[in-house]
Amino acid sequence: GRILGEGIEHEDAVSSVALGERRVVSGSWDGSVKIWDLRESQLNPTPILDLNDHDHPVQCVCIDPNARVACSASQDGVVLVWDVRTGKNQRKIKAHKREVTGISLSNTGYDVTTVSNDGRIRTFDLTKGENFLDLAAGEDVSCVETDGDVIFTGGSRGVVKLWEMQEGEKKPRLQTKAMGAKVSGLSLSRDGSWLVAGLETSEGKDDIIVYSTS
């Protein structure tokens, strides 16, 4: 496709980007989070919000489909919740003792799920900041996707797991066979019917696998 614009605003590597309704959020190792307006037509856009409340490098970001709420997570295990319209830092959550490696908002934007190389999967109510789901993955977890009803995780052993978001449910409902490569990324279609997994092989090659969730 054609490049419509290119923004150079971060002072270090961009670690994560996420797309919402007419908005893009980006996070960087420089500790900043920036929000961009896709309706801007200039070739060299500037961010509409520049957010600098993190004390450590930002590892991952997410935004709800309607671009009302964004979340960013840093190497110190902290998650910050942002109002996309105003840039206000609405809440600070100490999600993990180690770095957050993946983060995903539900479709409603009312709760967020985080994963870490501490092997935990945690979901928080954003209105209260309370952790209402805490699961042991049994491995370092590198990525997560959720629609608010189920959680998909990928980890160092090359296994994709499906978890129910129900209190008392401590084991995955389904999981794939080990694929011999780290699952480095997951992406769930907006209607929840397709899941794409990216694999990082020891030979330096990357594979993509598409799953039907129905």
N, C-alpha and C. Protein backbone atom coordinates (compact mmCIF):
# COMPACT_ATOMS: atom_id res chain seq x y z
N GLY A 1 0.81 -1.18 0.00
CA GLY A 1 0.00 0.00 0.00
C GLY A 1 0.85 1.25 0.00
N ARG A 2 0.20 2.38 -0.14
CA ARG A 2 0.87 3.68 -0.22
C ARG A 2 1.07 4.27 1.17
N ILE A 3 2.25 4.81 1.45
CA ILE A 3 2.50 5.47 2.73
C ILE A 3 1.77 6.81 2.74
N LEU A 4 0.88 6.98 3.72
CA LEU A 4 0.10 8.21 3.82
C LEU A 4 0.76 9.24 4.72
N GLY A 5 1.61 8.79 5.62
CA GLY A 5 2.28 9.72 6.52
C GLY A 5 3.30 9.00 7.36
N GLU A 6 4.27 9.74 7.83
CA GLU A 6 5.32 9.16 8.67
C GLU A 6 5.66 10.14 9.77
N GLY A 7 5.46 9.69 11.02
CA GLY A 7 5.74 10.56 12.15
C GLY A 7 6.98 10.09 12.90
N ILE A 8 7.90 10.99 13.14
CA ILE A 8 9.11 10.67 13.91
C ILE A 8 9.10 11.57 15.14
N GLU A 9 8.65 11.02 16.27
CA GLU A 9 8.50 11.83 17.47
C GLU A 9 9.17 11.21 18.69
N HIS A 10 9.31 9.88 18.73
CA HIS A 10 9.93 9.22 19.87
C HIS A 10 11.45 9.36 19.79
N GLU A 11 12.10 9.39 20.95
CA GLU A 11 13.55 9.55 21.02
C GLU A 11 14.28 8.22 21.13
N ASP A 12 13.54 7.12 21.18
CA ASP A 12 14.15 5.79 21.21
C ASP A 12 13.24 4.86 20.42
N ALA A 13 13.56 3.57 20.42
CA ALA A 13 12.81 2.60 19.62
C ALA A 13 11.33 2.58 20.01
N VAL A 14 10.46 2.47 19.00
CA VAL A 14 9.03 2.28 19.24
C VAL A 14 8.81 0.80 19.56
N SER A 15 8.32 0.52 20.76
CA SER A 15 8.17 -0.85 21.22
C SER A 15 6.81 -1.45 20.90
N SER A 16 5.80 -0.59 20.68
CA SER A 16 4.45 -1.12 20.47
C SER A 16 3.57 -0.05 19.85
N VAL A 17 2.63 -0.49 19.01
CA VAL A 17 1.60 0.40 18.47
C VAL A 17 0.26 -0.32 18.52
N ALA A 18 -0.82 0.44 18.61
CA ALA A 18 -2.16 -0.14 18.61
C ALA A 18 -3.10 0.81 17.89
N LEU A 19 -4.09 0.24 17.22
CA LEU A 19 -5.01 0.99 16.37
C LEU A 19 -6.42 0.95 16.94
N GLY A 20 -7.02 2.13 17.09
CA GLY A 20 -8.42 2.25 17.48
C GLY A 20 -9.18 3.03 16.42
N GLU A 21 -10.40 3.43 16.72
CA GLU A 21 -11.21 4.19 15.78
C GLU A 21 -10.58 5.56 15.52
N ARG A 22 -9.91 5.69 14.37
CA ARG A 22 -9.29 6.94 13.93
C ARG A 22 -8.16 7.42 14.86
N ARG A 23 -7.66 6.53 15.69
CA ARG A 23 -6.58 6.88 16.58
C ARG A 23 -5.52 5.77 16.58
N VAL A 24 -4.26 6.18 16.72
CA VAL A 24 -3.15 5.25 16.91
C VAL A 24 -2.44 5.65 18.19
N VAL A 25 -2.10 4.66 19.01
CA VAL A 25 -1.30 4.92 20.20
C VAL A 25 0.04 4.21 20.03
N SER A 26 1.11 4.88 20.38
CA SER A 26 2.45 4.30 20.26
C SER A 26 3.18 4.43 21.59
N GLY A 27 4.01 3.43 21.90
CA GLY A 27 4.82 3.45 23.11
C GLY A 27 6.27 3.23 22.75
N SER A 28 7.17 3.76 23.58
CA SER A 28 8.59 3.72 23.23
C SER A 28 9.45 3.40 24.44
N TRP A 29 10.65 2.94 24.14
CA TRP A 29 11.64 2.71 25.20
C TRP A 29 12.08 4.03 25.84
N ASP A 30 11.75 5.15 25.24
CA ASP A 30 12.07 6.43 25.89
C ASP A 30 11.10 6.76 27.03
N GLY A 31 10.12 5.87 27.26
CA GLY A 31 9.17 6.04 28.35
C GLY A 31 7.93 6.84 28.00
N SER A 32 7.83 7.28 26.76
CA SER A 32 6.70 8.11 26.35
C SER A 32 5.62 7.30 25.65
N VAL A 33 4.41 7.84 25.71
CA VAL A 33 3.25 7.31 24.98
C VAL A 33 2.69 8.46 24.17
N LYS A 34 2.39 8.20 22.90
CA LYS A 34 1.86 9.26 22.03
C LYS A 34 0.61 8.76 21.33
N ILE A 35 -0.33 9.67 21.15
CA ILE A 35 -1.59 9.35 20.47
C ILE A 35 -1.69 10.21 19.22
N TRP A 36 -2.06 9.55 18.11
CA TRP A 36 -2.07 10.18 16.80
C TRP A 36 -3.49 10.14 16.23
N ASP A 37 -3.83 11.16 15.45
CA ASP A 37 -5.13 11.26 14.80
C ASP A 37 -4.98 10.81 13.35
N LEU A 38 -5.66 9.72 12.98
CA LEU A 38 -5.55 9.20 11.61
C LEU A 38 -6.24 10.11 10.59
N ARG A 39 -7.04 11.03 11.05
CA ARG A 39 -7.72 11.93 10.11
C ARG A 39 -6.81 13.03 9.61
N GLU A 40 -5.66 13.20 10.27
CA GLU A 40 -4.71 14.20 9.80
C GLU A 40 -4.14 13.76 8.45
N SER A 41 -4.08 14.65 7.50
CA SER A 41 -3.69 14.30 6.14
C SER A 41 -2.25 14.65 5.80
N GLN A 42 -1.56 15.36 6.70
CA GLN A 42 -0.21 15.78 6.35
C GLN A 42 0.75 14.59 6.29
N LEU A 43 1.81 14.72 5.51
CA LEU A 43 2.76 13.63 5.34
C LEU A 43 3.61 13.41 6.58
N ASN A 44 3.80 14.44 7.37
CA ASN A 44 4.61 14.33 8.58
C ASN A 44 3.78 14.75 9.80
N PRO A 45 2.86 13.89 10.23
CA PRO A 45 1.96 14.27 11.31
C PRO A 45 2.69 14.37 12.65
N THR A 46 2.09 15.12 13.56
CA THR A 46 2.58 15.21 14.93
C THR A 46 1.51 14.64 15.84
N PRO A 47 1.91 14.05 16.97
CA PRO A 47 0.91 13.46 17.86
C PRO A 47 0.00 14.53 18.47
N ILE A 48 -1.25 14.16 18.70
CA ILE A 48 -2.19 15.09 19.33
C ILE A 48 -2.03 15.07 20.84
N LEU A 49 -1.46 13.99 21.38
CA LEU A 49 -1.19 13.89 22.81
C LEU A 49 0.19 13.28 23.03
N ASP A 50 0.93 13.86 23.94
CA ASP A 50 2.27 13.39 24.29
C ASP A 50 2.27 13.11 25.79
N LEU A 51 2.33 11.84 26.17
CA LEU A 51 2.10 11.41 27.55
C LEU A 51 3.39 10.86 28.14
N ASN A 52 3.79 11.39 29.28
CA ASN A 52 5.13 11.09 29.80
C ASN A 52 5.13 10.75 31.29
N ASP A 53 4.16 9.97 31.73
CA ASP A 53 4.06 9.65 33.16
C ASP A 53 4.79 8.38 33.56
N HIS A 54 5.29 7.61 32.60
CA HIS A 54 6.04 6.40 32.94
C HIS A 54 7.45 6.75 33.41
N ASP A 55 7.95 5.97 34.38
CA ASP A 55 9.31 6.15 34.88
C ASP A 55 10.30 5.17 34.24
N HIS A 56 9.77 4.23 33.45
CA HIS A 56 10.61 3.20 32.83
C HIS A 56 10.17 3.00 31.37
N PRO A 57 10.98 2.31 30.56
CA PRO A 57 10.62 2.09 29.16
C PRO A 57 9.25 1.42 29.01
N VAL A 58 8.49 1.88 28.03
CA VAL A 58 7.17 1.32 27.74
C VAL A 58 7.34 0.07 26.88
N GLN A 59 6.74 -1.03 27.32
CA GLN A 59 6.84 -2.30 26.62
C GLN A 59 5.70 -2.53 25.65
N CYS A 60 4.47 -2.15 26.04
CA CYS A 60 3.32 -2.47 25.20
C CYS A 60 2.18 -1.49 25.47
N VAL A 61 1.33 -1.31 24.46
CA VAL A 61 0.19 -0.41 24.55
C VAL A 61 -1.04 -1.09 23.95
N CYS A 62 -2.22 -0.57 24.31
CA CYS A 62 -3.45 -1.04 23.68
C CYS A 62 -4.47 0.08 23.74
N ILE A 63 -5.52 -0.04 22.92
CA ILE A 63 -6.57 0.97 22.86
C ILE A 63 -7.88 0.25 22.57
N ASP A 64 -8.98 0.72 23.15
CA ASP A 64 -10.25 0.04 22.90
C ASP A 64 -10.74 0.39 21.50
N PRO A 65 -11.60 -0.45 20.90
CA PRO A 65 -12.01 -0.26 19.50
C PRO A 65 -12.61 1.12 19.21
N ASN A 66 -13.27 1.71 20.22
CA ASN A 66 -13.90 3.01 20.01
C ASN A 66 -12.99 4.19 20.34
N ALA A 67 -11.73 3.88 20.69
CA ALA A 67 -10.70 4.90 20.95
C ALA A 67 -11.11 5.86 22.06
N ARG A 68 -11.64 5.31 23.14
CA ARG A 68 -11.95 6.13 24.31
C ARG A 68 -10.90 5.99 25.40
N VAL A 69 -10.38 4.75 25.54
CA VAL A 69 -9.43 4.43 26.59
C VAL A 69 -8.20 3.77 25.98
N ALA A 70 -7.03 4.15 26.45
CA ALA A 70 -5.78 3.49 26.06
C ALA A 70 -5.04 3.09 27.33
N CYS A 71 -4.25 2.02 27.23
CA CYS A 71 -3.42 1.58 28.35
C CYS A 71 -2.00 1.38 27.86
N SER A 72 -1.06 1.66 28.74
CA SER A 72 0.35 1.44 28.44
C SER A 72 1.00 0.74 29.63
N ALA A 73 1.97 -0.11 29.34
CA ALA A 73 2.63 -0.89 30.39
C ALA A 73 4.14 -0.78 30.23
N SER A 74 4.84 -0.72 31.35
CA SER A 74 6.28 -0.50 31.32
C SER A 74 7.06 -1.63 31.99
N GLN A 75 8.37 -1.53 31.92
CA GLN A 75 9.24 -2.60 32.39
C GLN A 75 9.18 -2.81 33.90
N ASP A 76 8.66 -1.85 34.63
CA ASP A 76 8.55 -2.00 36.09
C ASP A 76 7.23 -2.63 36.52
N GLY A 77 6.44 -3.14 35.55
CA GLY A 77 5.19 -3.81 35.86
C GLY A 77 4.01 -2.89 36.06
N VAL A 78 4.17 -1.60 35.75
CA VAL A 78 3.12 -0.61 35.96
C VAL A 78 2.28 -0.43 34.69
N VAL A 79 0.96 -0.36 34.87
CA VAL A 79 0.03 -0.05 33.78
C VAL A 79 -0.60 1.31 34.06
N LEU A 80 -0.59 2.18 33.06
CA LEU A 80 -1.26 3.47 33.15
C LEU A 80 -2.46 3.48 32.21
N VAL A 81 -3.57 4.03 32.70
CA VAL A 81 -4.82 4.09 31.95
C VAL A 81 -5.07 5.54 31.53
N TRP A 82 -5.30 5.75 30.23
CA TRP A 82 -5.40 7.10 29.68
C TRP A 82 -6.77 7.37 29.08
N ASP A 83 -7.26 8.59 29.26
CA ASP A 83 -8.41 9.09 28.52
C ASP A 83 -7.89 9.59 27.17
N VAL A 84 -8.31 8.95 26.10
CA VAL A 84 -7.77 9.26 24.78
C VAL A 84 -8.15 10.67 24.33
N ARG A 85 -9.28 11.18 24.80
CA ARG A 85 -9.72 12.52 24.38
C ARG A 85 -8.91 13.63 25.05
N THR A 86 -8.62 13.46 26.33
CA THR A 86 -7.99 14.54 27.10
C THR A 86 -6.53 14.28 27.43
N GLY A 87 -6.09 13.02 27.38
CA GLY A 87 -4.74 12.67 27.77
C GLY A 87 -4.57 12.54 29.27
N LYS A 88 -5.67 12.58 30.01
CA LYS A 88 -5.59 12.47 31.47
C LYS A 88 -5.21 11.06 31.89
N ASN A 89 -4.27 10.96 32.82
CA ASN A 89 -3.90 9.68 33.42
C ASN A 89 -4.97 9.33 34.44
N GLN A 90 -5.84 8.38 34.09
CA GLN A 90 -6.99 8.07 34.93
C GLN A 90 -6.66 7.13 36.08
N ARG A 91 -5.68 6.27 35.86
CA ARG A 91 -5.39 5.28 36.91
C ARG A 91 -3.99 4.70 36.70
N LYS A 92 -3.35 4.37 37.83
CA LYS A 92 -2.07 3.67 37.82
C LYS A 92 -2.26 2.33 38.52
N ILE A 93 -1.86 1.24 37.84
CA ILE A 93 -2.03 -0.11 38.38
C ILE A 93 -0.67 -0.79 38.43
N LYS A 94 -0.32 -1.31 39.58
CA LYS A 94 0.88 -2.15 39.69
C LYS A 94 0.45 -3.57 39.36
N ALA A 95 0.62 -3.94 38.08
CA ALA A 95 0.05 -5.19 37.58
C ALA A 95 0.92 -6.40 37.88
N HIS A 96 2.25 -6.24 37.78
CA HIS A 96 3.17 -7.37 37.95
C HIS A 96 4.44 -6.91 38.67
N LYS A 97 5.13 -7.87 39.26
CA LYS A 97 6.41 -7.58 39.90
C LYS A 97 7.53 -7.45 38.86
N ARG A 98 7.32 -8.10 37.71
CA ARG A 98 8.29 -8.02 36.63
C ARG A 98 7.65 -7.30 35.45
N GLU A 99 8.38 -7.17 34.35
CA GLU A 99 7.89 -6.37 33.23
C GLU A 99 6.64 -6.97 32.61
N VAL A 100 5.75 -6.10 32.17
CA VAL A 100 4.56 -6.51 31.44
C VAL A 100 4.96 -6.76 29.99
N THR A 101 4.66 -7.95 29.48
CA THR A 101 5.06 -8.30 28.12
C THR A 101 3.92 -8.23 27.12
N GLY A 102 2.68 -8.17 27.62
CA GLY A 102 1.53 -8.07 26.73
C GLY A 102 0.35 -7.45 27.46
N ILE A 103 -0.49 -6.74 26.70
CA ILE A 103 -1.64 -6.08 27.31
C ILE A 103 -2.77 -6.02 26.29
N SER A 104 -4.02 -6.18 26.76
CA SER A 104 -5.16 -6.18 25.85
C SER A 104 -6.40 -5.67 26.57
N LEU A 105 -7.09 -4.73 25.96
CA LEU A 105 -8.35 -4.22 26.49
C LEU A 105 -9.51 -5.04 25.96
N SER A 106 -10.55 -5.21 26.78
CA SER A 106 -11.77 -5.83 26.30
C SER A 106 -12.45 -4.90 25.30
N ASN A 107 -13.40 -5.44 24.53
CA ASN A 107 -14.10 -4.63 23.54
C ASN A 107 -14.85 -3.46 24.16
N THR A 108 -15.30 -3.63 25.41
CA THR A 108 -16.03 -2.56 26.09
C THR A 108 -15.11 -1.47 26.62
N GLY A 109 -13.84 -1.81 26.83
CA GLY A 109 -12.90 -0.87 27.41
C GLY A 109 -13.00 -0.75 28.92
N TYR A 110 -13.75 -1.66 29.55
CA TYR A 110 -13.95 -1.59 31.00
C TYR A 110 -12.94 -2.41 31.79
N ASP A 111 -12.27 -3.35 31.14
CA ASP A 111 -11.24 -4.12 31.84
C ASP A 111 -10.06 -4.40 30.93
N VAL A 112 -8.91 -4.64 31.55
CA VAL A 112 -7.68 -4.85 30.81
C VAL A 112 -7.00 -6.11 31.32
N THR A 113 -6.43 -6.89 30.41
CA THR A 113 -5.70 -8.10 30.77
C THR A 113 -4.22 -7.90 30.46
N THR A 114 -3.38 -8.30 31.42
CA THR A 114 -1.94 -8.16 31.26
C THR A 114 -1.26 -9.51 31.46
N VAL A 115 -0.11 -9.68 30.81
CA VAL A 115 0.71 -10.88 31.01
C VAL A 115 2.15 -10.44 31.23
N SER A 116 2.94 -11.37 31.77
CA SER A 116 4.30 -11.02 32.15
C SER A 116 5.20 -12.24 32.07
N ASN A 117 6.51 -11.98 32.08
CA ASN A 117 7.44 -13.11 32.16
C ASN A 117 7.54 -13.65 33.59
N ASP A 118 6.66 -13.18 34.48
CA ASP A 118 6.52 -13.83 35.78
C ASP A 118 5.54 -15.01 35.72
N GLY A 119 4.96 -15.26 34.52
CA GLY A 119 4.07 -16.40 34.33
C GLY A 119 2.64 -16.16 34.76
N ARG A 120 2.26 -14.93 35.08
CA ARG A 120 0.90 -14.63 35.54
C ARG A 120 0.08 -13.96 34.43
N ILE A 121 -1.22 -14.25 34.46
CA ILE A 121 -2.21 -13.60 33.60
C ILE A 121 -3.18 -12.89 34.54
N ARG A 122 -3.33 -11.59 34.40
CA ARG A 122 -4.16 -10.84 35.33
C ARG A 122 -5.11 -9.91 34.58
N THR A 123 -6.35 -9.84 35.08
CA THR A 123 -7.35 -8.94 34.51
C THR A 123 -7.82 -7.97 35.59
N PHE A 124 -7.91 -6.69 35.20
CA PHE A 124 -8.25 -5.62 36.13
C PHE A 124 -9.50 -4.88 35.68
N ASP A 125 -10.34 -4.55 36.64
CA ASP A 125 -11.49 -3.67 36.41
C ASP A 125 -10.96 -2.23 36.40
N LEU A 126 -11.11 -1.55 35.28
CA LEU A 126 -10.53 -0.22 35.15
C LEU A 126 -11.28 0.85 35.94
N THR A 127 -12.54 0.61 36.26
CA THR A 127 -13.28 1.61 37.03
C THR A 127 -12.81 1.64 38.48
N LYS A 128 -12.35 0.50 39.00
CA LYS A 128 -11.91 0.42 40.39
C LYS A 128 -10.41 0.15 40.52
N GLY A 129 -9.80 -0.33 39.45
CA GLY A 129 -8.38 -0.69 39.50
C GLY A 129 -8.14 -2.00 40.21
N GLU A 130 -9.19 -2.81 40.37
CA GLU A 130 -9.08 -4.06 41.13
C GLU A 130 -8.76 -5.24 40.22
N ASN A 131 -7.93 -6.14 40.71
CA ASN A 131 -7.58 -7.37 40.01
C ASN A 131 -8.63 -8.44 40.35
N PHE A 132 -9.44 -8.84 39.33
CA PHE A 132 -10.49 -9.82 39.62
C PHE A 132 -10.21 -11.19 39.00
N LEU A 133 -9.12 -11.32 38.25
CA LEU A 133 -8.74 -12.61 37.68
C LEU A 133 -7.23 -12.73 37.70
N ASP A 134 -6.73 -13.84 38.26
CA ASP A 134 -5.28 -14.05 38.38
C ASP A 134 -5.01 -15.52 38.08
N LEU A 135 -4.34 -15.78 36.95
CA LEU A 135 -4.11 -17.15 36.49
C LEU A 135 -2.62 -17.42 36.38
N ALA A 136 -2.25 -18.67 36.62
CA ALA A 136 -0.87 -19.12 36.44
C ALA A 136 -0.76 -19.80 35.09
N ALA A 137 0.07 -19.24 34.21
CA ALA A 137 0.18 -19.76 32.85
C ALA A 137 1.07 -20.99 32.75
N GLY A 138 1.97 -21.17 33.72
CA GLY A 138 2.88 -22.30 33.68
C GLY A 138 4.09 -22.08 32.80
N GLU A 139 4.28 -20.85 32.32
CA GLU A 139 5.41 -20.50 31.47
C GLU A 139 5.51 -18.98 31.39
N ASP A 140 6.63 -18.48 30.88
CA ASP A 140 6.72 -17.06 30.59
C ASP A 140 5.72 -16.73 29.49
N VAL A 141 4.90 -15.71 29.69
CA VAL A 141 3.88 -15.33 28.72
C VAL A 141 4.34 -14.09 27.97
N SER A 142 4.29 -14.14 26.66
CA SER A 142 4.83 -13.04 25.85
C SER A 142 3.76 -12.17 25.21
N CYS A 143 2.51 -12.65 25.10
CA CYS A 143 1.49 -11.86 24.42
C CYS A 143 0.10 -12.32 24.84
N VAL A 144 -0.88 -11.44 24.65
CA VAL A 144 -2.25 -11.72 25.08
C VAL A 144 -3.23 -10.98 24.18
N GLU A 145 -4.40 -11.59 23.99
CA GLU A 145 -5.53 -10.95 23.32
C GLU A 145 -6.79 -11.37 24.06
N THR A 146 -7.75 -10.46 24.18
CA THR A 146 -9.02 -10.78 24.82
C THR A 146 -10.15 -10.01 24.16
N ASP A 147 -11.35 -10.59 24.24
CA ASP A 147 -12.54 -9.87 23.79
C ASP A 147 -13.47 -9.56 24.96
N GLY A 148 -13.03 -9.90 26.17
CA GLY A 148 -13.85 -9.68 27.35
C GLY A 148 -14.54 -10.92 27.85
N ASP A 149 -14.61 -11.96 27.01
CA ASP A 149 -15.22 -13.23 27.41
C ASP A 149 -14.18 -14.33 27.56
N VAL A 150 -13.22 -14.35 26.66
CA VAL A 150 -12.13 -15.33 26.71
C VAL A 150 -10.80 -14.60 26.56
N ILE A 151 -9.73 -15.29 26.98
CA ILE A 151 -8.38 -14.75 26.88
C ILE A 151 -7.53 -15.73 26.08
N PHE A 152 -6.76 -15.22 25.13
CA PHE A 152 -5.79 -16.02 24.40
C PHE A 152 -4.39 -15.57 24.83
N THR A 153 -3.53 -16.53 25.13
CA THR A 153 -2.15 -16.19 25.48
C THR A 153 -1.17 -17.02 24.65
N GLY A 154 0.01 -16.47 24.47
CA GLY A 154 1.11 -17.17 23.81
C GLY A 154 2.36 -17.02 24.64
N GLY A 155 3.22 -18.04 24.61
CA GLY A 155 4.39 -17.98 25.48
C GLY A 155 5.64 -18.58 24.91
N SER A 156 6.61 -18.74 25.79
CA SER A 156 7.95 -19.15 25.40
C SER A 156 8.01 -20.58 24.89
N ARG A 157 7.04 -21.41 25.26
CA ARG A 157 7.05 -22.81 24.83
C ARG A 157 6.35 -23.04 23.49
N GLY A 158 5.85 -21.97 22.89
CA GLY A 158 5.21 -22.12 21.59
C GLY A 158 3.81 -22.67 21.65
N VAL A 159 3.10 -22.41 22.74
CA VAL A 159 1.74 -22.90 22.92
C VAL A 159 0.78 -21.71 23.00
N VAL A 160 -0.31 -21.78 22.24
CA VAL A 160 -1.40 -20.81 22.34
C VAL A 160 -2.48 -21.42 23.22
N LYS A 161 -2.92 -20.67 24.23
CA LYS A 161 -3.91 -21.17 25.18
C LYS A 161 -5.14 -20.28 25.19
N LEU A 162 -6.30 -20.91 25.40
CA LEU A 162 -7.56 -20.20 25.53
C LEU A 162 -8.06 -20.37 26.96
N TRP A 163 -8.34 -19.26 27.62
CA TRP A 163 -8.79 -19.25 29.01
C TRP A 163 -10.18 -18.63 29.09
N GLU A 164 -11.02 -19.19 29.96
CA GLU A 164 -12.32 -18.59 30.24
C GLU A 164 -12.16 -17.49 31.29
N MET A 165 -12.86 -16.39 31.10
CA MET A 165 -12.81 -15.31 32.09
C MET A 165 -13.89 -15.53 33.14
N GLN A 166 -13.72 -16.60 33.91
CA GLN A 166 -14.68 -16.94 34.95
C GLN A 166 -13.94 -17.17 36.26
N GLU A 167 -14.52 -16.67 37.33
CA GLU A 167 -13.91 -16.84 38.64
C GLU A 167 -13.86 -18.32 39.00
N GLY A 168 -12.71 -18.78 39.46
CA GLY A 168 -12.55 -20.18 39.83
C GLY A 168 -12.00 -21.05 38.71
N GLU A 169 -11.97 -20.52 37.49
CA GLU A 169 -11.43 -21.27 36.34
C GLU A 169 -9.93 -21.05 36.29
N LYS A 170 -9.15 -22.09 36.60
CA LYS A 170 -7.71 -21.92 36.76
C LYS A 170 -6.87 -22.61 35.67
N LYS A 171 -7.52 -23.35 34.78
CA LYS A 171 -6.79 -24.05 33.73
C LYS A 171 -7.32 -23.62 32.37
N PRO A 172 -6.47 -23.65 31.33
CA PRO A 172 -6.95 -23.28 30.00
C PRO A 172 -8.00 -24.25 29.49
N ARG A 173 -8.99 -23.72 28.79
CA ARG A 173 -10.02 -24.58 28.22
C ARG A 173 -9.49 -25.35 27.02
N LEU A 174 -8.65 -24.69 26.24
CA LEU A 174 -8.04 -25.31 25.07
C LEU A 174 -6.60 -24.84 24.96
N GLN A 175 -5.76 -25.65 24.33
CA GLN A 175 -4.41 -25.20 24.02
C GLN A 175 -3.89 -25.97 22.82
N THR A 176 -3.02 -25.32 22.05
CA THR A 176 -2.43 -25.96 20.89
C THR A 176 -1.25 -26.84 21.31
N LYS A 177 -0.80 -27.64 20.39
CA LYS A 177 0.44 -28.38 20.62
C LYS A 177 1.61 -27.41 20.57
N ALA A 178 2.68 -27.75 21.27
CA ALA A 178 3.88 -26.91 21.24
C ALA A 178 4.42 -26.84 19.82
N MET A 179 4.72 -25.63 19.36
CA MET A 179 5.12 -25.42 17.98
C MET A 179 6.62 -25.25 17.80
N GLY A 180 7.37 -25.44 18.87
CA GLY A 180 8.82 -25.40 18.76
C GLY A 180 9.39 -24.02 18.54
N ALA A 181 8.61 -22.99 18.82
CA ALA A 181 9.06 -21.61 18.65
C ALA A 181 8.24 -20.72 19.56
N LYS A 182 8.84 -19.65 20.04
CA LYS A 182 8.14 -18.71 20.92
C LYS A 182 7.01 -18.03 20.16
N VAL A 183 5.86 -17.92 20.82
CA VAL A 183 4.76 -17.13 20.27
C VAL A 183 5.04 -15.67 20.59
N SER A 184 5.38 -14.89 19.58
CA SER A 184 5.82 -13.52 19.80
C SER A 184 4.71 -12.49 19.67
N GLY A 185 3.57 -12.89 19.08
CA GLY A 185 2.48 -11.94 18.92
C GLY A 185 1.16 -12.63 18.64
N LEU A 186 0.07 -12.03 19.11
CA LEU A 186 -1.28 -12.51 18.84
C LEU A 186 -2.14 -11.33 18.40
N SER A 187 -3.08 -11.60 17.48
CA SER A 187 -4.02 -10.57 17.06
C SER A 187 -5.37 -11.23 16.81
N LEU A 188 -6.41 -10.71 17.47
CA LEU A 188 -7.76 -11.26 17.38
C LEU A 188 -8.61 -10.34 16.51
N SER A 189 -9.35 -10.93 15.56
CA SER A 189 -10.23 -10.12 14.72
C SER A 189 -11.30 -9.45 15.58
N ARG A 190 -11.84 -8.36 15.10
CA ARG A 190 -12.77 -7.58 15.92
C ARG A 190 -14.01 -8.38 16.29
N ASP A 191 -14.46 -9.29 15.41
CA ASP A 191 -15.64 -10.10 15.74
C ASP A 191 -15.27 -11.35 16.53
N GLY A 192 -13.98 -11.55 16.81
CA GLY A 192 -13.54 -12.67 17.63
C GLY A 192 -13.51 -14.01 16.94
N SER A 193 -13.68 -14.04 15.63
CA SER A 193 -13.78 -15.33 14.93
C SER A 193 -12.43 -15.84 14.42
N TRP A 194 -11.41 -14.98 14.36
CA TRP A 194 -10.09 -15.39 13.87
C TRP A 194 -9.00 -14.91 14.82
N LEU A 195 -8.01 -15.76 15.01
CA LEU A 195 -6.84 -15.42 15.82
C LEU A 195 -5.59 -15.68 15.00
N VAL A 196 -4.71 -14.69 14.94
CA VAL A 196 -3.44 -14.83 14.22
C VAL A 196 -2.31 -14.87 15.23
N ALA A 197 -1.42 -15.86 15.09
CA ALA A 197 -0.26 -16.00 15.97
C ALA A 197 1.02 -15.85 15.17
N GLY A 198 1.95 -15.08 15.70
CA GLY A 198 3.27 -14.95 15.10
C GLY A 198 4.29 -15.73 15.90
N LEU A 199 5.15 -16.48 15.21
CA LEU A 199 6.14 -17.33 15.87
C LEU A 199 7.54 -16.84 15.57
N GLU A 200 8.39 -16.91 16.58
CA GLU A 200 9.79 -16.50 16.46
C GLU A 200 10.66 -17.75 16.58
N THR A 201 11.22 -18.22 15.47
CA THR A 201 11.98 -19.46 15.48
C THR A 201 13.44 -19.22 15.84
N SER A 202 14.11 -20.29 16.25
CA SER A 202 15.52 -20.18 16.63
C SER A 202 16.41 -19.87 15.43
N GLU A 203 15.92 -20.17 14.22
CA GLU A 203 16.70 -19.90 13.01
C GLU A 203 16.54 -18.45 12.55
N GLY A 204 15.78 -17.67 13.31
CA GLY A 204 15.58 -16.28 12.93
C GLY A 204 14.48 -16.08 11.92
N LYS A 205 13.74 -17.15 11.59
CA LYS A 205 12.63 -17.05 10.66
C LYS A 205 11.34 -16.84 11.44
N ASP A 206 10.39 -16.14 10.83
CA ASP A 206 9.12 -15.87 11.48
C ASP A 206 8.00 -16.56 10.71
N ASP A 207 7.12 -17.24 11.45
CA ASP A 207 5.97 -17.90 10.85
C ASP A 207 4.70 -17.27 11.39
N ILE A 208 3.64 -17.33 10.59
CA ILE A 208 2.32 -16.84 10.99
C ILE A 208 1.32 -17.98 10.86
N ILE A 209 0.52 -18.18 11.89
CA ILE A 209 -0.51 -19.21 11.89
C ILE A 209 -1.85 -18.55 12.16
N VAL A 210 -2.88 -18.93 11.39
CA VAL A 210 -4.22 -18.39 11.55
C VAL A 210 -5.14 -19.47 12.09
N TYR A 211 -5.87 -19.15 13.16
CA TYR A 211 -6.80 -20.09 13.79
C TYR A 211 -8.22 -19.57 13.66
N SER A 212 -9.17 -20.48 13.44
CA SER A 212 -10.58 -20.16 13.57
C SER A 212 -10.99 -20.43 15.01
N THR A 213 -11.63 -19.47 15.66
CA THR A 213 -12.00 -19.64 17.06
C THR A 213 -13.38 -20.26 17.25
N SER A 214 -14.11 -20.44 16.16
CA SER A 214 -15.47 -20.99 16.27
C SER A 214 -15.45 -22.51 16.23
